[in-house]
Amino acid sequence: MIGITKPQIQTLKLGQSDNSAKMQSTRVNVLGIGGSMRKGSFSTHALKLVLEEAKRYGSDSRVLELREVRLPIYDPSGSVSEESYREINGNRENVLDTVTKAINWADAFVLATPDYHGSMSGAMKNFLDYFWEEFAGKTFGYIIASHEKGLTVADQMRTSVRQCYGWSMPYNISINGGNDFNSAGNPINSALANRIKMLARDLVTYGTLIRKQFLQDVMNKEVSDSYASRYREYYN
C-alpha cells in the first residue's frame, strides 16, 4: 500500500522547455490538472498521489489546480478582460499566459475531476476549451471521483483529448471519496493503491515513448506521412 500522506508536488513554474532538448532527454514532464473547485477534493488528492508516484519513474511532476488559477470562461473571440489577470508571486500576470506555459512544458497529463451529473466539472471543460494544438502527441491519464465508476466522465474527457490528437491511457482511476482513503489521506483500498502505481508507471513509460517519437516526426521534414507533420508550423 502506498504510504504518502502529504504529496510534495511542485506548483507551476514559468518557462517552456526546448523541444530539441526534450528529444535528447529521458525525463518526461507530467502535469496534473485538478478540476475540482472544492478545497480538500478527493480527486485532487488522488491526482497528487499519482504525480508523487510518477517521480519514482524519473518524471518531473507538477500540479495545476483550477480552483486556484480561476480561468475566465472561454471566449472564442480572444478578447482579454480584467478577469484574465491576477496576482502571481507578487506580480500582476495574465492567467492564461501562465497556464499556457505550463501546458507547453508538459509531455503528459493527468486530468482529475469529480463526477457532476455524469460529466466532468465545468472548470475542467472550460480548461479543455482553451487548448487543442498543445495537446497533440501527448499522453493523458484520468482520475474521476464518483459514487459510481465515472465511466461517462472518462469517456467525455477522452473524446475531447482525441479531438485534439492526444493519446489516452486505456483505463482510468475511479475513487469513491472517504470510502477509499483513511483520515491520513492514504488509500485503504488495495485495488486503488495498485491502480495509482500502475497509472504513474504507465504514464511515464508510454508518455515518454509517444512524446519522443512525435517530436522526432515533427522535426524531421522528410516525414510527411504522419499526423505529426501537420504540427510543424506550431512548433516552429
C-alpha atoms as a PDB file:
ATOM      1  CA  MET A   1       0.000   0.000   0.000  1.00  0.00           C
ATOM      2  CA  ILE A   2       1.221   3.482  -0.839  1.00  0.00           C
ATOM      3  CA  GLY A   3       2.189   5.489   2.230  1.00  0.00           C
ATOM      4  CA  ILE A   4       2.010   9.078   1.060  1.00  0.00           C
ATOM      5  CA  THR A   5       0.141  11.406   3.368  1.00  0.00           C
ATOM      6  CA  LYS A   6       1.453  14.739   2.106  1.00  0.00           C
ATOM      7  CA  PRO A   7       2.419  14.648  -1.587  1.00  0.00           C
ATOM      8  CA  GLN A   8       5.113  17.235  -2.259  1.00  0.00           C
ATOM      9  CA  ILE A   9       4.185  18.175  -5.810  1.00  0.00           C
ATOM     10  CA  GLN A  10       5.587  21.371  -7.279  1.00  0.00           C
ATOM     11  CA  THR A  11       3.159  24.072  -8.252  1.00  0.00           C
ATOM     12  CA  LEU A  12       3.582  25.893 -11.541  1.00  0.00           C
ATOM     13  CA  LYS A  13       6.893  27.365 -12.576  1.00  0.00           C
ATOM     14  CA  LEU A  14       7.052  29.567 -15.637  1.00  0.00           C
ATOM     15  CA  GLY A  15       9.148  28.575 -18.610  1.00  0.00           C
ATOM     16  CA  GLN A  16       8.815  26.417 -21.707  1.00  0.00           C
ATOM     17  CA  SER A  17      11.195  23.556 -22.390  1.00  0.00           C
ATOM     18  CA  ASP A  18      13.091  23.465 -25.662  1.00  0.00           C
ATOM     19  CA  ASN A  19      11.709  20.674 -27.835  1.00  0.00           C
ATOM     20  CA  SER A  20      15.065  19.668 -29.328  1.00  0.00           C
ATOM     21  CA  ALA A  21      16.426  19.240 -25.818  1.00  0.00           C
ATOM     22  CA  LYS A  22      13.434  17.115 -24.909  1.00  0.00           C
ATOM     23  CA  MET A  23      14.279  14.674 -27.681  1.00  0.00           C
ATOM     24  CA  GLN A  24      17.644  14.031 -26.050  1.00  0.00           C
ATOM     25  CA  SER A  25      16.192  13.722 -22.554  1.00  0.00           C
ATOM     26  CA  THR A  26      14.747  10.616 -20.945  1.00  0.00           C
ATOM     27  CA  ARG A  27      12.884  12.719 -18.392  1.00  0.00           C
ATOM     28  CA  VAL A  28       9.188  13.277 -19.014  1.00  0.00           C
ATOM     29  CA  ASN A  29       7.267  16.277 -17.671  1.00  0.00           C
ATOM     30  CA  VAL A  30       3.906  15.274 -16.179  1.00  0.00           C
ATOM     31  CA  LEU A  31       1.333  17.965 -15.412  1.00  0.00           C
ATOM     32  CA  GLY A  32      -1.683  17.158 -13.284  1.00  0.00           C
ATOM     33  CA  ILE A  33      -4.871  19.189 -13.748  1.00  0.00           C
ATOM     34  CA  GLY A  34      -7.150  19.336 -10.712  1.00  0.00           C
ATOM     35  CA  GLY A  35     -10.673  20.039 -11.944  1.00  0.00           C
ATOM     36  CA  SER A  36     -12.430  20.286  -8.590  1.00  0.00           C
ATOM     37  CA  MET A  37     -13.305  23.664  -7.080  1.00  0.00           C
ATOM     38  CA  ARG A  38     -13.600  22.152  -3.608  1.00  0.00           C
ATOM     39  CA  LYS A  39     -10.799  22.545  -1.080  1.00  0.00           C
ATOM     40  CA  GLY A  40      -9.856  19.104   0.177  1.00  0.00           C
ATOM     41  CA  SER A  41     -11.032  17.459  -3.032  1.00  0.00           C
ATOM     42  CA  PHE A  42     -10.593  13.672  -3.170  1.00  0.00           C
ATOM     43  CA  SER A  43      -9.921  13.715  -6.915  1.00  0.00           C
ATOM     44  CA  THR A  44      -7.174  16.316  -6.474  1.00  0.00           C
ATOM     45  CA  HIS A  45      -5.680  14.342  -3.597  1.00  0.00           C
ATOM     46  CA  ALA A  46      -5.575  11.180  -5.723  1.00  0.00           C
ATOM     47  CA  LEU A  47      -4.025  13.238  -8.507  1.00  0.00           C
ATOM     48  CA  LYS A  48      -1.188  14.341  -6.231  1.00  0.00           C
ATOM     49  CA  LEU A  49      -0.582  10.744  -5.176  1.00  0.00           C
ATOM     50  CA  VAL A  50      -0.194   9.718  -8.823  1.00  0.00           C
ATOM     51  CA  LEU A  51       2.160  12.622  -9.539  1.00  0.00           C
ATOM     52  CA  GLU A  52       4.278  11.828  -6.486  1.00  0.00           C
ATOM     53  CA  GLU A  53       4.450   8.181  -7.507  1.00  0.00           C
ATOM     54  CA  ALA A  54       5.408   9.195 -11.061  1.00  0.00           C
ATOM     55  CA  LYS A  55       8.570  10.792  -9.714  1.00  0.00           C
ATOM     56  CA  ARG A  56       9.817   7.310  -8.838  1.00  0.00           C
ATOM     57  CA  TYR A  57       9.955   6.601 -12.556  1.00  0.00           C
ATOM     58  CA  GLY A  58      12.017   9.665 -13.429  1.00  0.00           C
ATOM     59  CA  SER A  59       9.340  12.243 -14.181  1.00  0.00           C
ATOM     60  CA  ASP A  60       9.244  15.909 -13.275  1.00  0.00           C
ATOM     61  CA  SER A  61       5.708  16.258 -11.917  1.00  0.00           C
ATOM     62  CA  ARG A  62       3.716  19.408 -11.188  1.00  0.00           C
ATOM     63  CA  VAL A  63       0.106  20.218 -10.426  1.00  0.00           C
ATOM     64  CA  LEU A  64      -2.276  22.888 -11.673  1.00  0.00           C
ATOM     65  CA  GLU A  65      -5.380  23.299  -9.517  1.00  0.00           C
ATOM     66  CA  LEU A  66      -8.113  25.098 -11.432  1.00  0.00           C
ATOM     67  CA  ARG A  67      -9.665  26.300  -8.163  1.00  0.00           C
ATOM     68  CA  GLU A  68      -6.545  28.407  -7.642  1.00  0.00           C
ATOM     69  CA  VAL A  69      -5.965  29.510 -11.232  1.00  0.00           C
ATOM     70  CA  ARG A  70      -9.564  30.592 -11.899  1.00  0.00           C
ATOM     71  CA  LEU A  71      -9.516  30.728 -15.669  1.00  0.00           C
ATOM     72  CA  PRO A  72     -12.268  33.003 -17.007  1.00  0.00           C
ATOM     73  CA  ILE A  73     -14.957  31.403 -19.162  1.00  0.00           C
ATOM     74  CA  TYR A  74     -13.518  30.648 -22.582  1.00  0.00           C
ATOM     75  CA  ASP A  75     -14.290  33.402 -25.111  1.00  0.00           C
ATOM     76  CA  PRO A  76     -13.567  32.329 -28.716  1.00  0.00           C
ATOM     77  CA  SER A  77     -13.298  35.990 -29.755  1.00  0.00           C
ATOM     78  CA  GLY A  78      -9.998  36.094 -27.889  1.00  0.00           C
ATOM     79  CA  SER A  79     -10.824  39.273 -26.007  1.00  0.00           C
ATOM     80  CA  VAL A  80      -8.866  39.849 -22.782  1.00  0.00           C
ATOM     81  CA  SER A  81     -10.729  41.121 -19.731  1.00  0.00           C
ATOM     82  CA  GLU A  82      -9.712  42.052 -16.218  1.00  0.00           C
ATOM     83  CA  GLU A  83     -10.785  38.543 -15.218  1.00  0.00           C
ATOM     84  CA  SER A  84      -7.740  37.245 -17.109  1.00  0.00           C
ATOM     85  CA  TYR A  85      -5.333  38.844 -14.632  1.00  0.00           C
ATOM     86  CA  ARG A  86      -4.422  38.072 -11.041  1.00  0.00           C
ATOM     87  CA  GLU A  87      -1.526  38.353  -8.639  1.00  0.00           C
ATOM     88  CA  ILE A  88       1.079  35.601  -9.125  1.00  0.00           C
ATOM     89  CA  ASN A  89       4.172  35.688  -6.919  1.00  0.00           C
ATOM     90  CA  GLY A  90       3.561  39.372  -6.266  1.00  0.00           C
ATOM     91  CA  ASN A  91       3.223  40.239  -9.952  1.00  0.00           C
ATOM     92  CA  ARG A  92       0.110  41.031 -11.966  1.00  0.00           C
ATOM     93  CA  GLU A  93       0.079  38.396 -14.693  1.00  0.00           C
ATOM     94  CA  ASN A  94      -2.244  37.082 -17.362  1.00  0.00           C
ATOM     95  CA  VAL A  95      -3.594  33.774 -16.028  1.00  0.00           C
ATOM     96  CA  LEU A  96      -3.938  32.268 -19.499  1.00  0.00           C
ATOM     97  CA  ASP A  97      -0.282  33.026 -20.314  1.00  0.00           C
ATOM     98  CA  THR A  98       0.779  31.284 -17.114  1.00  0.00           C
ATOM     99  CA  VAL A  99      -1.358  28.233 -17.816  1.00  0.00           C
ATOM    100  CA  THR A 100      -0.265  28.065 -21.472  1.00  0.00           C
ATOM    101  CA  LYS A 101       3.396  27.969 -20.471  1.00  0.00           C
ATOM    102  CA  ALA A 102       2.625  25.098 -18.116  1.00  0.00           C
ATOM    103  CA  ILE A 103       0.761  23.229 -20.876  1.00  0.00           C
ATOM    104  CA  ASN A 104       3.692  23.660 -23.259  1.00  0.00           C
ATOM    105  CA  TRP A 105       6.077  22.450 -20.554  1.00  0.00           C
ATOM    106  CA  ALA A 106       4.149  19.198 -20.165  1.00  0.00           C
ATOM    107  CA  ASP A 107       4.791  15.993 -22.111  1.00  0.00           C
ATOM    108  CA  ALA A 108       1.952  14.101 -20.419  1.00  0.00           C
ATOM    109  CA  PHE A 109      -1.128  14.949 -18.369  1.00  0.00           C
ATOM    110  CA  VAL A 110      -3.346  13.544 -15.664  1.00  0.00           C
ATOM    111  CA  LEU A 111      -6.852  15.043 -15.661  1.00  0.00           C
ATOM    112  CA  ALA A 112      -8.724  14.721 -12.364  1.00  0.00           C
ATOM    113  CA  THR A 113     -12.342  15.737 -11.852  1.00  0.00           C
ATOM    114  CA  PRO A 114     -15.407  14.985  -9.757  1.00  0.00           C
ATOM    115  CA  ASP A 115     -18.386  13.374 -11.459  1.00  0.00           C
ATOM    116  CA  TYR A 116     -21.110  16.010 -11.850  1.00  0.00           C
ATOM    117  CA  HIS A 117     -24.312  14.554 -13.342  1.00  0.00           C
ATOM    118  CA  GLY A 118     -22.327  12.041 -15.367  1.00  0.00           C
ATOM    119  CA  SER A 119     -19.951  14.666 -16.734  1.00  0.00           C
ATOM    120  CA  MET A 120     -16.680  16.416 -15.911  1.00  0.00           C
ATOM    121  CA  SER A 121     -16.660  19.582 -13.835  1.00  0.00           C
ATOM    122  CA  GLY A 122     -17.371  22.886 -15.558  1.00  0.00           C
ATOM    123  CA  ALA A 123     -13.877  24.060 -14.618  1.00  0.00           C
ATOM    124  CA  MET A 124     -12.291  21.083 -16.400  1.00  0.00           C
ATOM    125  CA  LYS A 125     -14.414  21.546 -19.531  1.00  0.00           C
ATOM    126  CA  ASN A 126     -13.584  25.249 -19.570  1.00  0.00           C
ATOM    127  CA  PHE A 127      -9.873  24.419 -19.283  1.00  0.00           C
ATOM    128  CA  LEU A 128     -10.057  21.971 -22.193  1.00  0.00           C
ATOM    129  CA  ASP A 129     -11.880  24.550 -24.327  1.00  0.00           C
ATOM    130  CA  TYR A 130      -8.796  26.782 -24.325  1.00  0.00           C
ATOM    131  CA  PHE A 131      -6.328  24.351 -25.928  1.00  0.00           C
ATOM    132  CA  TRP A 132      -6.004  21.898 -28.784  1.00  0.00           C
ATOM    133  CA  GLU A 133      -2.656  22.022 -30.656  1.00  0.00           C
ATOM    134  CA  GLU A 134      -0.899  21.978 -27.300  1.00  0.00           C
ATOM    135  CA  PHE A 135      -2.330  18.521 -26.543  1.00  0.00           C
ATOM    136  CA  ALA A 136      -1.253  16.754 -29.754  1.00  0.00           C
ATOM    137  CA  GLY A 137       1.269  13.961 -29.325  1.00  0.00           C
ATOM    138  CA  LYS A 138       0.934  13.919 -25.533  1.00  0.00           C
ATOM    139  CA  THR A 139      -0.378  11.131 -23.316  1.00  0.00           C
ATOM    140  CA  PHE A 140      -3.278  11.541 -20.887  1.00  0.00           C
ATOM    141  CA  GLY A 141      -4.397   9.680 -17.789  1.00  0.00           C
ATOM    142  CA  TYR A 142      -7.721  10.193 -15.993  1.00  0.00           C
ATOM    143  CA  ILE A 143      -8.989  10.248 -12.401  1.00  0.00           C
ATOM    144  CA  ILE A 144     -12.675  10.560 -11.519  1.00  0.00           C
ATOM    145  CA  ALA A 145     -14.221  10.950  -8.073  1.00  0.00           C
ATOM    146  CA  SER A 146     -17.611   9.294  -8.372  1.00  0.00           C
ATOM    147  CA  HIS A 147     -20.147   7.329  -6.340  1.00  0.00           C
ATOM    148  CA  GLU A 148     -20.403   5.205  -9.462  1.00  0.00           C
ATOM    149  CA  LYS A 149     -17.475   4.361 -11.735  1.00  0.00           C
ATOM    150  CA  GLY A 150     -17.398   7.657 -13.603  1.00  0.00           C
ATOM    151  CA  LEU A 151     -17.187   5.902 -16.968  1.00  0.00           C
ATOM    152  CA  THR A 152     -19.161   8.532 -18.883  1.00  0.00           C
ATOM    153  CA  VAL A 153     -16.924  11.234 -17.387  1.00  0.00           C
ATOM    154  CA  ALA A 154     -13.778   9.432 -18.544  1.00  0.00           C
ATOM    155  CA  ASP A 155     -15.293   8.880 -21.993  1.00  0.00           C
ATOM    156  CA  GLN A 156     -16.063  12.584 -22.346  1.00  0.00           C
ATOM    157  CA  MET A 157     -12.539  13.618 -21.406  1.00  0.00           C
ATOM    158  CA  ARG A 158     -11.109  11.016 -23.781  1.00  0.00           C
ATOM    159  CA  THR A 159     -13.316  12.348 -26.566  1.00  0.00           C
ATOM    160  CA  SER A 160     -12.028  15.890 -26.001  1.00  0.00           C
ATOM    161  CA  VAL A 161      -8.417  14.715 -25.972  1.00  0.00           C
ATOM    162  CA  ARG A 162      -8.894  12.525 -29.050  1.00  0.00           C
ATOM    163  CA  GLN A 163     -10.300  15.502 -30.968  1.00  0.00           C
ATOM    164  CA  CYS A 164      -7.039  17.292 -30.148  1.00  0.00           C
ATOM    165  CA  TYR A 165      -4.893  14.330 -31.335  1.00  0.00           C
ATOM    166  CA  GLY A 166      -3.762  13.435 -27.844  1.00  0.00           C
ATOM    167  CA  TRP A 167      -3.248   9.851 -26.688  1.00  0.00           C
ATOM    168  CA  SER A 168      -5.193   8.355 -23.780  1.00  0.00           C
ATOM    169  CA  MET A 169      -4.359   5.560 -21.375  1.00  0.00           C
ATOM    170  CA  PRO A 170      -6.843   2.713 -21.981  1.00  0.00           C
ATOM    171  CA  TYR A 171      -8.019   2.754 -18.358  1.00  0.00           C
ATOM    172  CA  ASN A 172      -8.724   5.323 -15.656  1.00  0.00           C
ATOM    173  CA  ILE A 173      -8.829   5.603 -11.859  1.00  0.00           C
ATOM    174  CA  SER A 174     -12.180   5.863 -10.134  1.00  0.00           C
ATOM    175  CA  ILE A 175     -12.387   6.807  -6.457  1.00  0.00           C
ATOM    176  CA  ASN A 176     -15.287   6.973  -4.025  1.00  0.00           C
ATOM    177  CA  GLY A 177     -14.333   9.695  -1.579  1.00  0.00           C
ATOM    178  CA  GLY A 178     -13.877   8.807   2.044  1.00  0.00           C
ATOM    179  CA  ASN A 179     -14.531   5.125   1.349  1.00  0.00           C
ATOM    180  CA  ASP A 180     -11.138   4.839  -0.352  1.00  0.00           C
ATOM    181  CA  PHE A 181      -8.933   6.930   1.968  1.00  0.00           C
ATOM    182  CA  ASN A 182      -8.239   6.956   5.691  1.00  0.00           C
ATOM    183  CA  SER A 183      -8.049  10.095   7.828  1.00  0.00           C
ATOM    184  CA  ALA A 184      -4.338  10.462   6.990  1.00  0.00           C
ATOM    185  CA  GLY A 185      -5.116  10.536   3.264  1.00  0.00           C
ATOM    186  CA  ASN A 186      -3.655   7.111   2.449  1.00  0.00           C
ATOM    187  CA  PRO A 187      -5.563   4.653   0.231  1.00  0.00           C
ATOM    188  CA  ILE A 188      -7.311   1.924   2.237  1.00  0.00           C
ATOM    189  CA  ASN A 189      -8.493   0.236  -0.938  1.00  0.00           C
ATOM    190  CA  SER A 190      -5.696  -2.047  -2.157  1.00  0.00           C
ATOM    191  CA  ALA A 191      -7.080  -2.048  -5.707  1.00  0.00           C
ATOM    192  CA  LEU A 192      -6.916   1.754  -5.760  1.00  0.00           C
ATOM    193  CA  ALA A 193      -3.372   1.760  -4.372  1.00  0.00           C
ATOM    194  CA  ASN A 194      -2.276  -0.615  -7.133  1.00  0.00           C
ATOM    195  CA  ARG A 195      -4.109   1.447  -9.740  1.00  0.00           C
ATOM    196  CA  ILE A 196      -2.256   4.592  -8.623  1.00  0.00           C
ATOM    197  CA  LYS A 197       1.081   2.825  -9.016  1.00  0.00           C
ATOM    198  CA  MET A 198       0.073   1.435 -12.407  1.00  0.00           C
ATOM    199  CA  LEU A 199      -1.082   4.756 -13.836  1.00  0.00           C
ATOM    200  CA  ALA A 200       2.052   6.524 -12.619  1.00  0.00           C
ATOM    201  CA  ARG A 201       4.337   3.927 -14.150  1.00  0.00           C
ATOM    202  CA  ASP A 202       2.445   3.579 -17.441  1.00  0.00           C
ATOM    203  CA  LEU A 203       2.010   7.311 -17.952  1.00  0.00           C
ATOM    204  CA  VAL A 204       5.758   7.926 -17.608  1.00  0.00           C
ATOM    205  CA  THR A 205       6.738   4.890 -19.687  1.00  0.00           C
ATOM    206  CA  TYR A 206       4.331   5.276 -22.596  1.00  0.00           C
ATOM    207  CA  GLY A 207       4.230   9.060 -22.356  1.00  0.00           C
ATOM    208  CA  THR A 208       7.990   9.197 -22.886  1.00  0.00           C
ATOM    209  CA  LEU A 209       7.884   6.920 -25.934  1.00  0.00           C
ATOM    210  CA  ILE A 210       4.968   8.685 -27.606  1.00  0.00           C
ATOM    211  CA  ARG A 211       6.245  12.192 -26.961  1.00  0.00           C
ATOM    212  CA  LYS A 212       9.759  11.437 -28.192  1.00  0.00           C
ATOM    213  CA  GLN A 213       8.509   9.873 -31.417  1.00  0.00           C
ATOM    214  CA  PHE A 214       6.036  12.702 -32.003  1.00  0.00           C
ATOM    215  CA  LEU A 215       8.767  15.350 -31.668  1.00  0.00           C
ATOM    216  CA  GLN A 216      11.088  13.380 -33.948  1.00  0.00           C
ATOM    217  CA  ASP A 217       8.371  13.276 -36.614  1.00  0.00           C
ATOM    218  CA  VAL A 218       7.627  16.982 -36.158  1.00  0.00           C
ATOM    219  CA  MET A 219      11.258  17.996 -36.596  1.00  0.00           C
ATOM    220  CA  ASN A 220      12.101  15.586 -39.426  1.00  0.00           C
ATOM    221  CA  LYS A 221      10.885  17.345 -42.582  1.00  0.00           C
ATOM    222  CA  GLU A 222      11.375  14.166 -44.592  1.00  0.00           C
ATOM    223  CA  VAL A 223       8.471  12.609 -42.692  1.00  0.00           C
ATOM    224  CA  SER A 224       5.216  13.542 -44.400  1.00  0.00           C
ATOM    225  CA  ASP A 225       3.006  10.509 -43.789  1.00  0.00           C
ATOM    226  CA  SER A 226       2.442  11.160 -40.098  1.00  0.00           C
ATOM    227  CA  TYR A 227      -0.188  13.259 -38.356  1.00  0.00           C
ATOM    228  CA  ALA A 228       2.710  14.907 -36.501  1.00  0.00           C
ATOM    229  CA  SER A 229       3.804  16.703 -39.678  1.00  0.00           C
ATOM    230  CA  ARG A 230       0.754  18.970 -39.543  1.00  0.00           C
ATOM    231  CA  TYR A 231       2.090  20.498 -36.295  1.00  0.00           C
ATOM    232  CA  ARG A 232       5.431  21.719 -37.660  1.00  0.00           C
ATOM    233  CA  GLU A 233       4.228  25.283 -38.009  1.00  0.00           C
ATOM    234  CA  TYR A 234       3.045  25.276 -34.391  1.00  0.00           C
ATOM    235  CA  TYR A 235       6.386  24.023 -33.063  1.00  0.00           C
ATOM    236  CA  ASN A 236       8.482  26.221 -35.319  1.00  0.00           C
END
